[in-house]
Amino acid sequence: MKVRSPGMLILVAILLTTSRAVLAGDDQLPQKLRELRTQVGCGPVSGFYDRPGMVEPPYLYGYLPGGKEESAAFWCHREGAEKPFVLVLVEKGRVTSTIAWQNYPGGLSLDDSAPLRLSDFRYVDKPEQRGPVDAKTTHPSLRSEYDGVITLFYHHGDRWLYRLLD
């Protein structure tokens, strides 16, 4: 194919760029996290950025103390599941936990508030049970937020807790 004008060259470049965006679809994760998402059997959260206002990304590196590259968290979606959204927690390149969640996810960030009482949290696996009375957070909680609705997730011992704020 012979390109005869600069305008035609620009048009071809635009078409190629648009094609790549369409092929990428609604996927918001870096390549390594997409691979891990496939391992846990879920796909992208459809329409994640189709909401008004600022939305943090659906993934976060460095949610645990230490090197930022040592841990990651991201949201994904399991079609047809009772709790279709899954928060995937990664340490040293491997999935260490998953949290099935019923609410549409918010963007992920760290909540570095002063130490919080774990008795204000509930266990993910038993929402009727509160966290320990005599314990507080010792590192930042993982924060999922959109439009003023905040869910904090915190790992204590071998279990995950959450706290809803609005």
C-alpha atoms as a PDB file:
ATOM      1  CA  MET A   1       0.000   0.000   0.000  1.00  0.00           C
ATOM      2  CA  LYS A   2       1.413   3.334  -1.025  1.00  0.00           C
ATOM      3  CA  VAL A   3       0.655   6.300   1.276  1.00  0.00           C
ATOM      4  CA  ARG A   4       0.378   9.433  -0.851  1.00  0.00           C
ATOM      5  CA  SER A   5      -0.236  12.200   1.666  1.00  0.00           C
ATOM      6  CA  PRO A   6       0.626  13.165   5.251  1.00  0.00           C
ATOM      7  CA  GLY A   7      -3.127  13.278   5.997  1.00  0.00           C
ATOM      8  CA  MET A   8      -3.488   9.638   4.946  1.00  0.00           C
ATOM      9  CA  LEU A   9      -0.528   8.689   7.161  1.00  0.00           C
ATOM     10  CA  ILE A  10      -2.170  10.398  10.148  1.00  0.00           C
ATOM     11  CA  LEU A  11      -5.470   8.622   9.436  1.00  0.00           C
ATOM     12  CA  VAL A  12      -3.723   5.228   9.325  1.00  0.00           C
ATOM     13  CA  ALA A  13      -1.967   6.003  12.637  1.00  0.00           C
ATOM     14  CA  ILE A  14      -5.285   6.962  14.269  1.00  0.00           C
ATOM     15  CA  LEU A  15      -6.947   3.782  13.020  1.00  0.00           C
ATOM     16  CA  LEU A  16      -4.121   1.608  14.351  1.00  0.00           C
ATOM     17  CA  THR A  17      -4.248   3.309  17.759  1.00  0.00           C
ATOM     18  CA  THR A  18      -8.043   2.980  17.926  1.00  0.00           C
ATOM     19  CA  SER A  19      -7.834  -0.697  16.943  1.00  0.00           C
ATOM     20  CA  ARG A  20      -5.429  -1.406  19.792  1.00  0.00           C
ATOM     21  CA  ALA A  21      -7.739   0.358  22.263  1.00  0.00           C
ATOM     22  CA  VAL A  22     -10.715  -1.682  21.055  1.00  0.00           C
ATOM     23  CA  LEU A  23      -8.707  -4.909  21.315  1.00  0.00           C
ATOM     24  CA  ALA A  24      -7.647  -4.001  24.865  1.00  0.00           C
ATOM     25  CA  GLY A  25     -11.326  -3.474  25.634  1.00  0.00           C
ATOM     26  CA  ASP A  26     -12.220  -2.609  29.163  1.00  0.00           C
ATOM     27  CA  ASP A  27      -9.055  -4.018  30.721  1.00  0.00           C
ATOM     28  CA  GLN A  28      -7.442  -1.759  33.298  1.00  0.00           C
ATOM     29  CA  LEU A  29      -4.675  -3.930  34.757  1.00  0.00           C
ATOM     30  CA  PRO A  30      -0.955  -4.164  34.015  1.00  0.00           C
ATOM     31  CA  GLN A  31       0.095  -7.355  32.178  1.00  0.00           C
ATOM     32  CA  LYS A  32       1.403  -9.292  35.236  1.00  0.00           C
ATOM     33  CA  LEU A  33      -1.802  -8.632  37.195  1.00  0.00           C
ATOM     34  CA  ARG A  34      -3.900  -9.714  34.192  1.00  0.00           C
ATOM     35  CA  GLU A  35      -2.021 -13.021  34.218  1.00  0.00           C
ATOM     36  CA  LEU A  36      -2.737 -13.495  37.933  1.00  0.00           C
ATOM     37  CA  ARG A  37      -6.382 -12.561  37.369  1.00  0.00           C
ATOM     38  CA  THR A  38      -6.666 -15.373  34.826  1.00  0.00           C
ATOM     39  CA  GLN A  39      -5.225 -17.789  37.407  1.00  0.00           C
ATOM     40  CA  VAL A  40      -8.041 -16.992  39.853  1.00  0.00           C
ATOM     41  CA  GLY A  41     -10.670 -17.339  37.142  1.00  0.00           C
ATOM     42  CA  CYS A  42     -12.009 -13.847  36.721  1.00  0.00           C
ATOM     43  CA  GLY A  43     -12.030 -11.023  34.201  1.00  0.00           C
ATOM     44  CA  PRO A  44     -11.986  -7.229  34.167  1.00  0.00           C
ATOM     45  CA  VAL A  45     -14.554  -5.138  36.029  1.00  0.00           C
ATOM     46  CA  SER A  46     -16.694  -3.926  33.152  1.00  0.00           C
ATOM     47  CA  GLY A  47     -17.351  -0.184  33.011  1.00  0.00           C
ATOM     48  CA  PHE A  48     -15.000   0.586  35.910  1.00  0.00           C
ATOM     49  CA  TYR A  49     -14.041   4.005  34.512  1.00  0.00           C
ATOM     50  CA  ASP A  50     -17.465   4.775  33.030  1.00  0.00           C
ATOM     51  CA  ARG A  51     -18.494   6.667  36.162  1.00  0.00           C
ATOM     52  CA  PRO A  52     -18.438  10.419  36.670  1.00  0.00           C
ATOM     53  CA  GLY A  53     -15.771  12.065  38.775  1.00  0.00           C
ATOM     54  CA  MET A  54     -12.352  10.918  39.816  1.00  0.00           C
ATOM     55  CA  VAL A  55     -11.843   7.162  40.088  1.00  0.00           C
ATOM     56  CA  GLU A  56      -8.652   5.662  41.492  1.00  0.00           C
ATOM     57  CA  PRO A  57      -7.345   2.634  39.555  1.00  0.00           C
ATOM     58  CA  PRO A  58      -8.749  -0.839  40.344  1.00  0.00           C
ATOM     59  CA  TYR A  59      -5.256  -1.969  41.365  1.00  0.00           C
ATOM     60  CA  LEU A  60      -2.555  -0.898  43.784  1.00  0.00           C
ATOM     61  CA  TYR A  61       1.062  -1.860  44.263  1.00  0.00           C
ATOM     62  CA  GLY A  62       2.629  -1.831  47.733  1.00  0.00           C
ATOM     63  CA  TYR A  63      -0.398  -2.396  49.970  1.00  0.00           C
ATOM     64  CA  LEU A  64       1.794  -4.134  52.555  1.00  0.00           C
ATOM     65  CA  PRO A  65       4.736  -2.583  54.390  1.00  0.00           C
ATOM     66  CA  GLY A  66       7.998  -3.087  52.519  1.00  0.00           C
ATOM     67  CA  GLY A  67       8.994  -2.644  48.911  1.00  0.00           C
ATOM     68  CA  LYS A  68       6.231  -1.425  46.632  1.00  0.00           C
ATOM     69  CA  GLU A  69       6.890  -4.226  44.148  1.00  0.00           C
ATOM     70  CA  GLU A  70       6.482  -6.887  46.868  1.00  0.00           C
ATOM     71  CA  SER A  71       2.674  -6.702  47.104  1.00  0.00           C
ATOM     72  CA  ALA A  72      -0.312  -5.788  44.992  1.00  0.00           C
ATOM     73  CA  ALA A  73      -4.093  -5.784  45.183  1.00  0.00           C
ATOM     74  CA  PHE A  74      -6.633  -5.599  42.382  1.00  0.00           C
ATOM     75  CA  TRP A  75     -10.333  -5.991  41.646  1.00  0.00           C
ATOM     76  CA  CYS A  76     -11.719  -8.433  39.133  1.00  0.00           C
ATOM     77  CA  HIS A  77     -15.122  -9.874  38.203  1.00  0.00           C
ATOM     78  CA  ARG A  78     -16.486 -13.437  38.184  1.00  0.00           C
ATOM     79  CA  GLU A  79     -19.488 -13.768  35.931  1.00  0.00           C
ATOM     80  CA  GLY A  80     -22.486 -15.477  37.554  1.00  0.00           C
ATOM     81  CA  ALA A  81     -21.055 -15.644  41.095  1.00  0.00           C
ATOM     82  CA  GLU A  82     -23.194 -14.747  44.119  1.00  0.00           C
ATOM     83  CA  LYS A  83     -20.507 -12.241  45.108  1.00  0.00           C
ATOM     84  CA  PRO A  84     -19.231 -11.334  41.635  1.00  0.00           C
ATOM     85  CA  PHE A  85     -16.407  -8.956  42.534  1.00  0.00           C
ATOM     86  CA  VAL A  86     -13.126 -10.332  43.798  1.00  0.00           C
ATOM     87  CA  LEU A  87     -10.363  -8.454  45.569  1.00  0.00           C
ATOM     88  CA  VAL A  88      -7.154 -10.323  44.794  1.00  0.00           C
ATOM     89  CA  LEU A  89      -4.170  -9.927  47.114  1.00  0.00           C
ATOM     90  CA  VAL A  90      -0.683 -10.677  45.810  1.00  0.00           C
ATOM     91  CA  GLU A  91       2.610 -11.086  47.654  1.00  0.00           C
ATOM     92  CA  LYS A  92       5.956 -11.665  45.928  1.00  0.00           C
ATOM     93  CA  GLY A  93       4.301 -12.358  42.584  1.00  0.00           C
ATOM     94  CA  ARG A  94       1.749 -14.936  43.748  1.00  0.00           C
ATOM     95  CA  VAL A  95      -1.877 -14.765  44.831  1.00  0.00           C
ATOM     96  CA  THR A  96      -2.113 -15.179  48.609  1.00  0.00           C
ATOM     97  CA  SER A  97      -5.779 -14.292  49.248  1.00  0.00           C
ATOM     98  CA  THR A  98      -9.004 -13.479  47.488  1.00  0.00           C
ATOM     99  CA  ILE A  99     -12.035 -11.722  48.923  1.00  0.00           C
ATOM    100  CA  ALA A 100     -15.379 -12.297  47.220  1.00  0.00           C
ATOM    101  CA  TRP A 101     -17.406  -9.073  47.432  1.00  0.00           C
ATOM    102  CA  GLN A 102     -20.984  -8.159  46.546  1.00  0.00           C
ATOM    103  CA  ASN A 103     -20.648  -4.376  46.070  1.00  0.00           C
ATOM    104  CA  TYR A 104     -19.347  -2.768  42.893  1.00  0.00           C
ATOM    105  CA  PRO A 105     -15.710  -1.918  43.666  1.00  0.00           C
ATOM    106  CA  GLY A 106     -14.107   1.450  44.088  1.00  0.00           C
ATOM    107  CA  GLY A 107     -10.603   2.542  43.217  1.00  0.00           C
ATOM    108  CA  LEU A 108      -7.827   1.246  45.428  1.00  0.00           C
ATOM    109  CA  SER A 109      -5.470   3.278  47.581  1.00  0.00           C
ATOM    110  CA  LEU A 110      -3.938   3.105  51.050  1.00  0.00           C
ATOM    111  CA  ASP A 111      -5.651   4.578  54.084  1.00  0.00           C
ATOM    112  CA  ASP A 112      -2.932   5.874  56.372  1.00  0.00           C
ATOM    113  CA  SER A 113      -5.210   7.114  59.156  1.00  0.00           C
ATOM    114  CA  ALA A 114      -4.014   6.935  62.733  1.00  0.00           C
ATOM    115  CA  PRO A 115      -4.240   3.399  64.123  1.00  0.00           C
ATOM    116  CA  LEU A 116      -7.865   2.220  63.984  1.00  0.00           C
ATOM    117  CA  ARG A 117      -9.584  -0.087  66.467  1.00  0.00           C
ATOM    118  CA  LEU A 118     -10.158  -3.495  64.935  1.00  0.00           C
ATOM    119  CA  SER A 119     -13.366  -3.775  66.962  1.00  0.00           C
ATOM    120  CA  ASP A 120     -14.794  -1.242  64.456  1.00  0.00           C
ATOM    121  CA  PHE A 121     -14.139  -3.755  61.657  1.00  0.00           C
ATOM    122  CA  ARG A 122     -16.011  -6.960  60.780  1.00  0.00           C
ATOM    123  CA  TYR A 123     -14.603 -10.230  59.516  1.00  0.00           C
ATOM    124  CA  VAL A 124     -15.047 -10.785  55.783  1.00  0.00           C
ATOM    125  CA  ASP A 125     -15.845 -14.464  56.314  1.00  0.00           C
ATOM    126  CA  LYS A 126     -18.269 -13.759  59.219  1.00  0.00           C
ATOM    127  CA  PRO A 127     -19.733 -10.244  58.878  1.00  0.00           C
ATOM    128  CA  GLU A 128     -21.734 -10.606  62.093  1.00  0.00           C
ATOM    129  CA  GLN A 129     -18.465 -10.929  64.047  1.00  0.00           C
ATOM    130  CA  ARG A 130     -16.447  -7.853  64.999  1.00  0.00           C
ATOM    131  CA  GLY A 131     -12.668  -7.687  65.133  1.00  0.00           C
ATOM    132  CA  PRO A 132     -10.726  -8.082  68.387  1.00  0.00           C
ATOM    133  CA  VAL A 133     -11.389  -5.472  71.063  1.00  0.00           C
ATOM    134  CA  ASP A 134      -7.788  -5.179  72.201  1.00  0.00           C
ATOM    135  CA  ALA A 135      -6.126  -4.643  68.801  1.00  0.00           C
ATOM    136  CA  LYS A 136      -5.494  -1.748  66.406  1.00  0.00           C
ATOM    137  CA  THR A 137      -4.186  -1.475  62.876  1.00  0.00           C
ATOM    138  CA  THR A 138      -0.394  -1.482  62.701  1.00  0.00           C
ATOM    139  CA  HIS A 139      -0.067  -0.532  59.018  1.00  0.00           C
ATOM    140  CA  PRO A 140      -2.299   1.249  56.493  1.00  0.00           C
ATOM    141  CA  SER A 141      -5.580  -0.380  55.482  1.00  0.00           C
ATOM    142  CA  LEU A 142      -6.402  -1.094  51.870  1.00  0.00           C
ATOM    143  CA  ARG A 143      -9.029   1.447  50.791  1.00  0.00           C
ATOM    144  CA  SER A 144     -11.673   0.911  48.097  1.00  0.00           C
ATOM    145  CA  GLU A 145     -13.506   4.166  47.386  1.00  0.00           C
ATOM    146  CA  TYR A 146     -15.906   5.750  44.978  1.00  0.00           C
ATOM    147  CA  ASP A 147     -18.229   8.743  45.412  1.00  0.00           C
ATOM    148  CA  GLY A 148     -17.752   9.008  49.170  1.00  0.00           C
ATOM    149  CA  VAL A 149     -18.408   5.336  49.899  1.00  0.00           C
ATOM    150  CA  ILE A 150     -15.306   3.782  51.441  1.00  0.00           C
ATOM    151  CA  THR A 151     -14.533   0.207  52.382  1.00  0.00           C
ATOM    152  CA  LEU A 152     -11.369  -0.464  54.346  1.00  0.00           C
ATOM    153  CA  PHE A 153      -9.816  -3.933  54.209  1.00  0.00           C
ATOM    154  CA  TYR A 154      -7.263  -5.068  56.768  1.00  0.00           C
ATOM    155  CA  HIS A 155      -5.407  -8.342  57.238  1.00  0.00           C
ATOM    156  CA  HIS A 156      -5.037  -9.400  60.872  1.00  0.00           C
ATOM    157  CA  GLY A 157      -3.590 -12.779  61.791  1.00  0.00           C
ATOM    158  CA  ASP A 158      -4.837 -15.170  59.143  1.00  0.00           C
ATOM    159  CA  ARG A 159      -8.148 -13.393  58.426  1.00  0.00           C
ATOM    160  CA  TRP A 160      -9.383 -10.333  56.554  1.00  0.00           C
ATOM    161  CA  LEU A 161     -11.556  -7.658  58.111  1.00  0.00           C
ATOM    162  CA  TYR A 162     -13.496  -4.821  56.524  1.00  0.00           C
ATOM    163  CA  ARG A 163     -15.065  -1.567  57.636  1.00  0.00           C
ATOM    164  CA  LEU A 164     -17.656   0.451  55.688  1.00  0.00           C
ATOM    165  CA  LEU A 165     -17.512   4.247  55.857  1.00  0.00           C
ATOM    166  CA  ASP A 166     -19.791   6.744  54.135  1.00  0.00           C
END
